[in-house]
């Protein structure tokens, strides 16, 4: 079986762990089932009893004369967030978080670090992406053969058949295409080796691109001309105009996470089984440095200014921080258990790390490289319990 499919096992484990971890009274958590804020979303594939990550609802006012009750704190600790140019960090942005174990996607107010909705559903959601205009959300329904296109305003969902067990989806910088990594179930005969190219205007697959066994994660270059895909055989480069593989990066035999710097000059890829981070010169398609990372580096992100790289080290329960060249190891930031996703806010002030087993998102202040708050579902006694395996940010319309 493909080692990259560990995500499926992780998602299942997160669901099981979430069932045990969520021990708060029923009044403080949202029961599984339809989201009261859901519209005509075409929801599907959610297992009964799956843990959910609910938007925080303040308690009702206490009637006059009623005995005092135990105070319910908001879902986000009161630790102050960093500020950027006089505004809260992340002001004007929304995050979408794929909750694999719950079969949902959470929408989060980035500045407030508060969940505002969990209405979008998809079976074992391991990947999520948003169009630049914030109008459409694409979700990799890894438990099915589909990517779900969701209208962000109406929540109307359109299932797009792409192939077995898509683990990731990415939207091109101009918003015209979405690429889905069709991971499949095996690297041998009958396994998948394709990326499905989706026209976002029609939400139909226009091409299947053969990239190599078990494609896992996808990242577009900032100009949209290339897309980088990690596979069980390495790192493939797609020419997006031609819709075909233009080459592969030698010296990367196996890869999982991938990220591209904002200027497009560097590509970063992780290799979990060797505890390695690769730094790649994008123009030459050549590895410039192999960095010894933490235990099982799973996901990687680079800050918008290109100065820092953050790696979710799954078996270290930490995020490793490196300079852009990979020459300097700057810090190891303790986060939750089994970090499996990482993303930088568009203003670069924060890096969010999804903790697959703890069921939370650790928010790192990039100026101090320390966790300043934690995004949770419901009150602090409740964990997300749902495997946050991908995070996407978008500017509010």
Protein backbone atom coordinates (compact mmCIF):
# COMPACT_ATOMS: atom_id res chain seq x y z
CA UNK A 1 0.00 0.00 0.00
CA UNK A 2 1.05 3.58 -0.52
CA UNK A 3 2.69 5.14 2.51
CA UNK A 4 1.09 8.42 1.45
CA UNK A 5 -2.27 6.85 2.21
CA UNK A 6 -1.38 7.08 5.89
CA UNK A 7 -3.59 10.16 5.76
CA UNK A 8 -6.60 7.88 5.42
CA UNK A 9 -5.51 5.93 8.49
CA UNK A 10 -4.79 9.18 10.32
CA UNK A 11 -8.25 10.47 9.48
CA UNK A 12 -9.83 7.29 10.80
CA UNK A 13 -7.71 7.46 13.94
CA UNK A 14 -8.68 11.09 14.45
CA UNK A 15 -12.33 10.19 14.22
CA UNK A 16 -11.89 7.43 16.79
CA UNK A 17 -9.78 9.64 19.05
CA UNK A 18 -12.28 12.46 18.75
CA UNK A 19 -15.03 10.19 20.01
CA UNK A 20 -13.02 9.55 23.15
CA UNK A 21 -11.69 13.08 23.57
CA UNK A 22 -14.97 14.95 23.36
CA UNK A 23 -16.18 14.45 26.88
CA UNK A 24 -17.91 17.77 27.49
CA UNK A 25 -21.62 17.90 28.35
CA UNK A 26 -23.92 17.72 25.37
CA UNK A 27 -24.90 21.34 25.82
CA UNK A 28 -21.37 22.49 25.04
CA UNK A 29 -20.90 20.57 21.81
CA UNK A 30 -22.83 20.34 18.59
CA UNK A 31 -24.40 16.94 18.03
CA UNK A 32 -23.47 15.17 14.79
CA UNK A 33 -25.93 15.68 12.00
CA UNK A 34 -27.17 18.47 9.76
CA UNK A 35 -25.72 21.88 10.48
CA UNK A 36 -28.52 24.30 11.37
CA UNK A 37 -26.89 26.88 9.12
CA UNK A 38 -26.63 24.57 6.15
CA UNK A 39 -28.37 25.47 2.93
CA UNK A 40 -28.98 23.25 -0.13
CA UNK A 41 -25.51 21.79 0.14
CA UNK A 42 -26.07 18.32 -1.29
CA UNK A 43 -24.37 16.90 1.81
CA UNK A 44 -23.17 13.34 1.55
CA UNK A 45 -20.84 10.70 2.90
CA UNK A 46 -20.81 11.63 6.59
CA UNK A 47 -20.77 8.65 8.92
CA UNK A 48 -23.34 8.69 11.73
CA UNK A 49 -21.75 9.62 15.03
CA UNK A 50 -18.71 11.31 13.47
CA UNK A 51 -17.33 14.05 15.73
CA UNK A 52 -18.02 17.59 14.60
CA UNK A 53 -16.29 20.93 15.07
CA UNK A 54 -19.05 23.38 15.89
CA UNK A 55 -19.14 27.14 15.68
CA UNK A 56 -19.06 28.65 19.16
CA UNK A 57 -22.46 29.82 20.37
CA UNK A 58 -22.48 32.08 23.44
CA UNK A 59 -24.68 30.88 26.30
CA UNK A 60 -28.14 32.38 26.75
CA UNK A 61 -28.41 35.22 29.28
CA UNK A 62 -29.12 34.04 32.84
CA UNK A 63 -32.69 34.85 33.95
CA UNK A 64 -32.99 37.39 36.79
CA UNK A 65 -32.76 35.68 40.16
CA UNK A 66 -31.35 32.45 38.74
CA UNK A 67 -28.43 30.96 40.67
CA UNK A 68 -25.03 31.66 39.16
CA UNK A 69 -23.78 28.99 36.80
CA UNK A 70 -20.27 27.99 35.92
CA UNK A 71 -19.05 30.58 33.39
CA UNK A 72 -18.54 29.38 29.84
CA UNK A 73 -15.43 30.82 28.29
CA UNK A 74 -15.16 31.54 24.55
CA UNK A 75 -13.56 28.89 22.36
CA UNK A 76 -10.40 30.95 21.87
CA UNK A 77 -8.09 31.75 24.80
CA UNK A 78 -7.63 35.40 25.66
CA UNK A 79 -3.95 35.46 24.77
CA UNK A 80 -3.49 38.47 22.47
CA UNK A 81 -2.79 37.87 18.80
CA UNK A 82 -0.09 39.78 16.97
CA UNK A 83 -1.08 42.99 15.21
CA UNK A 84 -0.04 44.09 11.76
CA UNK A 85 0.14 47.80 10.97
CA UNK A 86 -2.43 48.62 13.64
CA UNK A 87 -4.85 45.89 12.59
CA UNK A 88 -5.42 42.42 14.09
CA UNK A 89 -3.37 39.72 12.38
CA UNK A 90 -5.31 38.12 9.56
CA UNK A 91 -7.91 40.92 9.42
CA UNK A 92 -10.07 40.59 6.31
CA UNK A 93 -9.39 36.89 5.74
CA UNK A 94 -11.27 33.62 6.13
CA UNK A 95 -9.79 30.16 6.65
CA UNK A 96 -11.30 26.89 5.50
CA UNK A 97 -10.14 23.79 7.37
CA UNK A 98 -10.70 20.24 6.09
CA UNK A 99 -11.84 18.08 9.02
CA UNK A 100 -11.25 14.56 7.75
CA UNK A 101 -12.58 12.65 10.74
CA UNK A 102 -15.83 14.63 10.88
CA UNK A 103 -16.56 14.81 7.16
CA UNK A 104 -16.85 18.60 7.36
CA UNK A 105 -15.07 21.79 6.41
CA UNK A 106 -14.91 24.52 9.05
CA UNK A 107 -15.01 28.20 8.13
CA UNK A 108 -12.98 30.35 10.52
CA UNK A 109 -12.69 34.10 11.03
CA UNK A 110 -8.91 34.48 10.86
CA UNK A 111 -8.62 37.68 12.90
CA UNK A 112 -10.88 36.38 15.69
CA UNK A 113 -9.65 32.76 15.49
CA UNK A 114 -13.30 31.76 15.75
CA UNK A 115 -15.25 29.05 13.93
CA UNK A 116 -18.20 30.61 12.10
CA UNK A 117 -19.62 27.58 10.29
CA UNK A 118 -19.22 23.84 9.73
CA UNK A 119 -21.93 23.56 7.11
CA UNK A 120 -19.83 22.14 4.27
CA UNK A 121 -19.66 18.35 4.28
CA UNK A 122 -17.60 15.81 2.34
CA UNK A 123 -16.66 12.21 3.14
CA UNK A 124 -13.20 12.16 4.77
CA UNK A 125 -12.28 15.68 3.68
CA UNK A 126 -8.47 15.72 3.45
CA UNK A 127 -7.95 18.64 1.06
CA UNK A 128 -9.52 22.07 0.65
CA UNK A 129 -8.91 25.05 -1.65
CA UNK A 130 -10.68 28.32 -2.43
CA UNK A 131 -10.89 30.42 -5.57
CA UNK A 132 -9.17 33.83 -5.26
CA UNK A 133 -12.53 35.62 -5.42
CA UNK A 134 -13.73 33.53 -2.43
CA UNK A 135 -16.82 32.40 -4.32
CA UNK A 136 -16.08 28.67 -4.53
CA UNK A 137 -14.63 26.13 -2.15
CA UNK A 138 -13.24 22.84 -3.47
CA UNK A 139 -13.03 19.86 -1.14
CA UNK A 140 -11.22 16.56 -1.75
CA UNK A 141 -13.69 13.92 -0.58
CA UNK A 142 -11.01 11.31 0.03
CA UNK A 143 -13.50 8.68 1.17
CA UNK A 144 -15.21 8.87 -2.21
CA UNK A 145 -14.19 9.35 -5.84
CA UNK A 146 -15.09 13.02 -5.83
CA UNK A 147 -14.08 16.59 -5.41
CA UNK A 148 -16.97 18.68 -4.10
CA UNK A 149 -17.36 22.21 -5.51
CA UNK A 150 -19.28 24.37 -3.05
CA UNK A 151 -20.77 27.81 -3.65
CA UNK A 152 -19.49 29.75 -0.64
CA UNK A 153 -22.60 31.94 -0.49
CA UNK A 154 -25.40 29.41 -1.01
CA UNK A 155 -23.54 26.25 0.06
CA UNK A 156 -24.89 24.48 -2.99
CA UNK A 157 -22.57 21.53 -3.70
CA UNK A 158 -21.59 20.00 -7.03
CA UNK A 159 -19.86 16.60 -6.87
CA UNK A 160 -17.17 16.09 -9.52
CA UNK A 161 -16.04 12.51 -10.14
CA UNK A 162 -12.23 12.47 -10.38
CA UNK A 163 -11.14 8.96 -9.38
CA UNK A 164 -10.25 6.92 -6.32
CA UNK A 165 -9.46 8.63 -3.03
CA UNK A 166 -8.39 12.17 -3.97
CA UNK A 167 -6.19 13.45 -1.12
CA UNK A 168 -5.68 17.05 -2.17
CA UNK A 169 -7.07 19.84 -4.29
CA UNK A 170 -5.45 23.14 -5.29
CA UNK A 171 -6.77 26.15 -7.21
CA UNK A 172 -4.64 28.01 -9.75
CA UNK A 173 -3.68 31.63 -8.94
CA UNK A 174 -6.07 32.98 -11.58
CA UNK A 175 -8.89 30.76 -10.31
CA UNK A 176 -9.54 29.14 -13.68
CA UNK A 177 -8.48 25.60 -12.76
CA UNK A 178 -8.55 23.25 -9.81
CA UNK A 179 -6.18 20.29 -9.70
CA UNK A 180 -7.08 17.17 -7.71
CA UNK A 181 -4.49 14.61 -6.63
CA UNK A 182 -6.18 11.27 -7.34
CA UNK A 183 -4.14 9.21 -4.90
CA UNK A 184 -5.85 5.85 -5.39
CA UNK A 185 -5.42 2.85 -3.15
CA UNK A 186 -2.17 1.26 -4.30
CA UNK A 187 1.04 1.94 -6.24
CA UNK A 188 0.74 -1.31 -8.18
CA UNK A 189 -1.64 -2.41 -10.95
CA UNK A 190 -4.98 -0.73 -10.52
CA UNK A 191 -3.49 2.14 -8.53
CA UNK A 192 -3.80 5.76 -9.54
CA UNK A 193 -1.18 8.03 -11.09
CA UNK A 194 -3.30 10.96 -12.21
CA UNK A 195 -4.11 14.55 -11.42
CA UNK A 196 -7.59 15.63 -12.52
CA UNK A 197 -7.71 19.12 -14.05
CA UNK A 198 -11.06 20.81 -13.36
CA UNK A 199 -12.47 23.83 -15.20
CA UNK A 200 -13.84 25.99 -12.37
CA UNK A 201 -16.38 27.67 -14.67
CA UNK A 202 -18.15 24.41 -15.49
CA UNK A 203 -16.91 22.22 -12.63
CA UNK A 204 -16.04 19.44 -15.03
CA UNK A 205 -12.82 17.48 -15.52
CA UNK A 206 -11.12 18.60 -18.71
CA UNK A 207 -8.03 16.42 -18.52
CA UNK A 208 -6.33 13.65 -16.56
CA UNK A 209 -2.58 14.16 -16.23
CA UNK A 210 -0.30 11.17 -15.53
CA UNK A 211 2.22 12.29 -12.90
CA UNK A 212 3.41 9.01 -11.37
CA UNK A 213 2.22 6.60 -8.72
CA UNK A 214 -0.02 7.88 -5.94
CA UNK A 215 -0.06 11.68 -6.27
CA UNK A 216 -0.41 13.27 -2.84
CA UNK A 217 -0.20 17.07 -2.59
CA UNK A 218 -0.25 19.91 -5.12
CA UNK A 219 1.10 23.48 -5.12
CA UNK A 220 0.90 25.99 -7.98
CA UNK A 221 3.69 28.39 -8.84
CA UNK A 222 2.64 32.01 -8.20
CA UNK A 223 2.42 32.75 -11.94
CA UNK A 224 0.32 29.63 -12.47
CA UNK A 225 2.55 28.30 -15.25
CA UNK A 226 3.72 25.27 -13.28
CA UNK A 227 2.14 23.00 -10.68
CA UNK A 228 4.20 20.79 -8.40
CA UNK A 229 2.88 17.38 -7.35
CA UNK A 230 4.37 15.06 -4.75
CA UNK A 231 4.04 11.34 -5.49
CA UNK A 232 5.28 7.98 -4.26
CA UNK A 233 7.98 8.32 -6.91
CA UNK A 234 9.07 11.90 -6.25
CA UNK A 235 8.23 15.47 -7.31
CA UNK A 236 6.58 16.06 -10.69
CA UNK A 237 6.24 19.41 -12.49
CA UNK A 238 3.16 20.06 -14.64
CA UNK A 239 3.11 22.59 -17.47
CA UNK A 240 -0.38 23.95 -16.83
CA UNK A 241 -0.80 25.47 -20.30
CA UNK A 242 -0.16 22.12 -21.98
CA UNK A 243 -1.73 20.03 -19.24
CA UNK A 244 1.14 17.59 -19.15
CA UNK A 245 4.19 16.73 -17.07
CA UNK A 246 7.12 18.92 -18.09
CA UNK A 247 9.64 17.08 -15.94
CA UNK A 248 10.53 15.69 -12.56
CA UNK A 249 12.94 16.91 -9.93
CA UNK A 250 15.81 14.42 -9.64
CA UNK A 251 17.07 13.48 -6.20
CA UNK A 252 13.63 13.46 -4.56
CA UNK A 253 12.71 9.75 -4.56
CA UNK A 254 9.58 10.06 -2.47
CA UNK A 255 7.66 13.11 -1.29
CA UNK A 256 4.61 14.14 0.73
CA UNK A 257 4.22 17.87 1.51
CA UNK A 258 4.96 20.65 -0.99
CA UNK A 259 5.06 24.46 -0.97
CA UNK A 260 6.29 27.19 -3.32
CA UNK A 261 7.81 30.54 -2.32
CA UNK A 262 5.86 33.68 -3.22
CA UNK A 263 8.41 34.69 -5.86
CA UNK A 264 8.37 31.20 -7.36
CA UNK A 265 12.12 30.74 -7.04
CA UNK A 266 12.07 27.90 -4.50
CA UNK A 267 10.02 24.75 -3.99
CA UNK A 268 9.98 22.83 -0.71
CA UNK A 269 9.08 19.16 -0.36
CA UNK A 270 9.05 16.78 2.60
CA UNK A 271 10.01 13.12 2.76
CA UNK A 272 8.53 11.62 5.94
CA UNK A 273 10.25 8.22 5.89
CA UNK A 274 13.71 9.81 5.76
CA UNK A 275 12.96 12.83 8.00
CA UNK A 276 14.03 15.18 5.22
CA UNK A 277 13.08 18.58 3.84
CA UNK A 278 14.20 19.27 0.27
CA UNK A 279 14.93 22.78 -0.98
CA UNK A 280 14.57 22.97 -4.78
CA UNK A 281 15.70 25.63 -7.24
CA UNK A 282 12.55 26.01 -9.33
CA UNK A 283 14.25 27.38 -12.45
CA UNK A 284 16.79 24.55 -12.61
CA UNK A 285 14.49 21.90 -11.13
CA UNK A 286 17.39 20.85 -8.95
CA UNK A 287 17.73 20.10 -5.23
CA UNK A 288 19.98 22.70 -3.60
CA UNK A 289 19.81 21.36 -0.05
CA UNK A 290 18.64 18.33 1.90
CA UNK A 291 17.70 19.38 5.42
CA UNK A 292 17.43 17.02 8.38
CA UNK A 293 13.98 17.79 9.73
CA UNK A 294 12.08 16.50 12.76
CA UNK A 295 10.47 13.08 13.03
CA UNK A 296 8.27 12.37 10.01
CA UNK A 297 7.97 15.81 8.39
CA UNK A 298 4.54 15.71 6.81
CA UNK A 299 3.48 19.15 5.58
CA UNK A 300 5.36 22.34 4.71
CA UNK A 301 4.54 26.04 4.29
CA UNK A 302 6.57 29.15 3.45
CA UNK A 303 5.78 32.66 4.67
CA UNK A 304 4.67 35.20 2.02
CA UNK A 305 7.90 37.18 2.39
CA UNK A 306 9.83 34.00 1.63
CA UNK A 307 12.03 34.29 4.73
CA UNK A 308 10.84 31.33 6.78
CA UNK A 309 9.76 27.76 6.15
CA UNK A 310 7.57 25.83 8.60
CA UNK A 311 7.39 22.03 8.66
CA UNK A 312 4.75 19.98 10.51
CA UNK A 313 6.80 17.18 12.09
CA UNK A 314 4.15 14.58 12.72
CA UNK A 315 6.04 12.35 15.14
CA UNK A 316 7.77 15.22 16.94
CA UNK A 317 4.53 17.01 17.86
CA UNK A 318 6.19 20.22 16.74
CA UNK A 319 6.67 22.63 13.86
CA UNK A 320 10.23 23.04 12.67
CA UNK A 321 11.25 26.53 11.53
CA UNK A 322 14.01 27.12 8.95
CA UNK A 323 15.39 30.00 6.95
CA UNK A 324 14.47 30.06 3.26
CA UNK A 325 17.71 28.44 2.12
CA UNK A 326 17.44 25.61 4.62
CA UNK A 327 20.88 26.42 6.00
CA UNK A 328 19.63 27.47 9.43
CA UNK A 329 17.30 25.64 11.77
CA UNK A 330 15.67 28.51 13.65
CA UNK A 331 13.31 26.83 16.10
CA UNK A 332 11.09 23.90 17.01
CA UNK A 333 7.67 25.09 18.15
CA UNK A 334 5.70 22.61 20.31
CA UNK A 335 2.16 22.17 19.00
CA UNK A 336 -0.50 19.47 19.44
CA UNK A 337 -0.28 15.76 18.74
CA UNK A 338 0.36 14.50 15.22
CA UNK A 339 0.55 17.79 13.30
CA UNK A 340 -0.41 16.99 9.71
CA UNK A 341 -1.13 20.33 8.04
CA UNK A 342 0.43 23.78 8.04
CA UNK A 343 -0.33 27.08 6.29
CA UNK A 344 0.78 30.71 6.58
CA UNK A 345 -1.74 33.54 6.74
CA UNK A 346 -1.64 35.83 3.68
CA UNK A 347 -0.19 38.70 5.75
CA UNK A 348 2.55 36.41 7.07
CA UNK A 349 1.89 37.21 10.71
CA UNK A 350 0.76 33.72 11.67
CA UNK A 351 1.28 30.09 10.75
CA UNK A 352 -1.54 27.66 11.50
CA UNK A 353 -0.75 24.02 12.30
CA UNK A 354 -3.49 21.39 12.20
CA UNK A 355 -3.02 18.77 14.93
CA UNK A 356 -4.48 15.54 13.63
CA UNK A 357 -4.79 13.67 16.94
CA UNK A 358 -5.25 16.53 19.39
CA UNK A 359 -8.02 17.91 17.24
CA UNK A 360 -7.02 21.58 17.33
CA UNK A 361 -5.19 24.19 15.25
CA UNK A 362 -2.16 25.79 16.88
CA UNK A 363 -1.63 29.42 15.84
CA UNK A 364 2.04 30.46 15.74
CA UNK A 365 3.14 34.10 15.88
CA UNK A 366 5.84 34.21 13.20
CA UNK A 367 7.66 37.14 14.83
CA UNK A 368 8.29 35.17 18.03
CA UNK A 369 7.83 31.59 16.78
CA UNK A 370 5.57 30.62 19.63
CA UNK A 371 1.95 29.50 19.87
CA UNK A 372 -0.24 32.45 20.82
CA UNK A 373 -3.67 30.83 20.65
CA UNK A 374 -5.50 27.67 19.67
CA UNK A 375 -8.52 27.31 17.40
CA UNK A 376 -10.97 24.82 18.87
CA UNK A 377 -14.51 23.60 18.34
CA UNK A 378 -16.89 24.83 21.02
CA UNK A 379 -15.73 25.72 24.55
CA UNK A 380 -12.15 24.99 25.64
CA UNK A 381 -13.17 21.65 27.15
CA UNK A 382 -13.99 20.45 23.64
CA UNK A 383 -11.40 19.42 21.07
CA UNK A 384 -11.92 19.51 17.37
CA UNK A 385 -11.55 15.72 17.36
CA UNK A 386 -11.86 15.61 13.61
CA UNK A 387 -8.44 15.56 11.95
CA UNK A 388 -7.67 19.04 10.53
CA UNK A 389 -5.67 17.80 7.52
CA UNK A 390 -5.65 20.89 5.29
CA UNK A 391 -5.99 24.66 5.69
CA UNK A 392 -6.74 27.28 3.02
CA UNK A 393 -6.89 31.07 3.44
CA UNK A 394 -8.72 33.58 1.26
CA UNK A 395 -9.34 37.33 1.33
CA UNK A 396 -12.93 38.21 2.18
CA UNK A 397 -14.92 39.50 -0.82
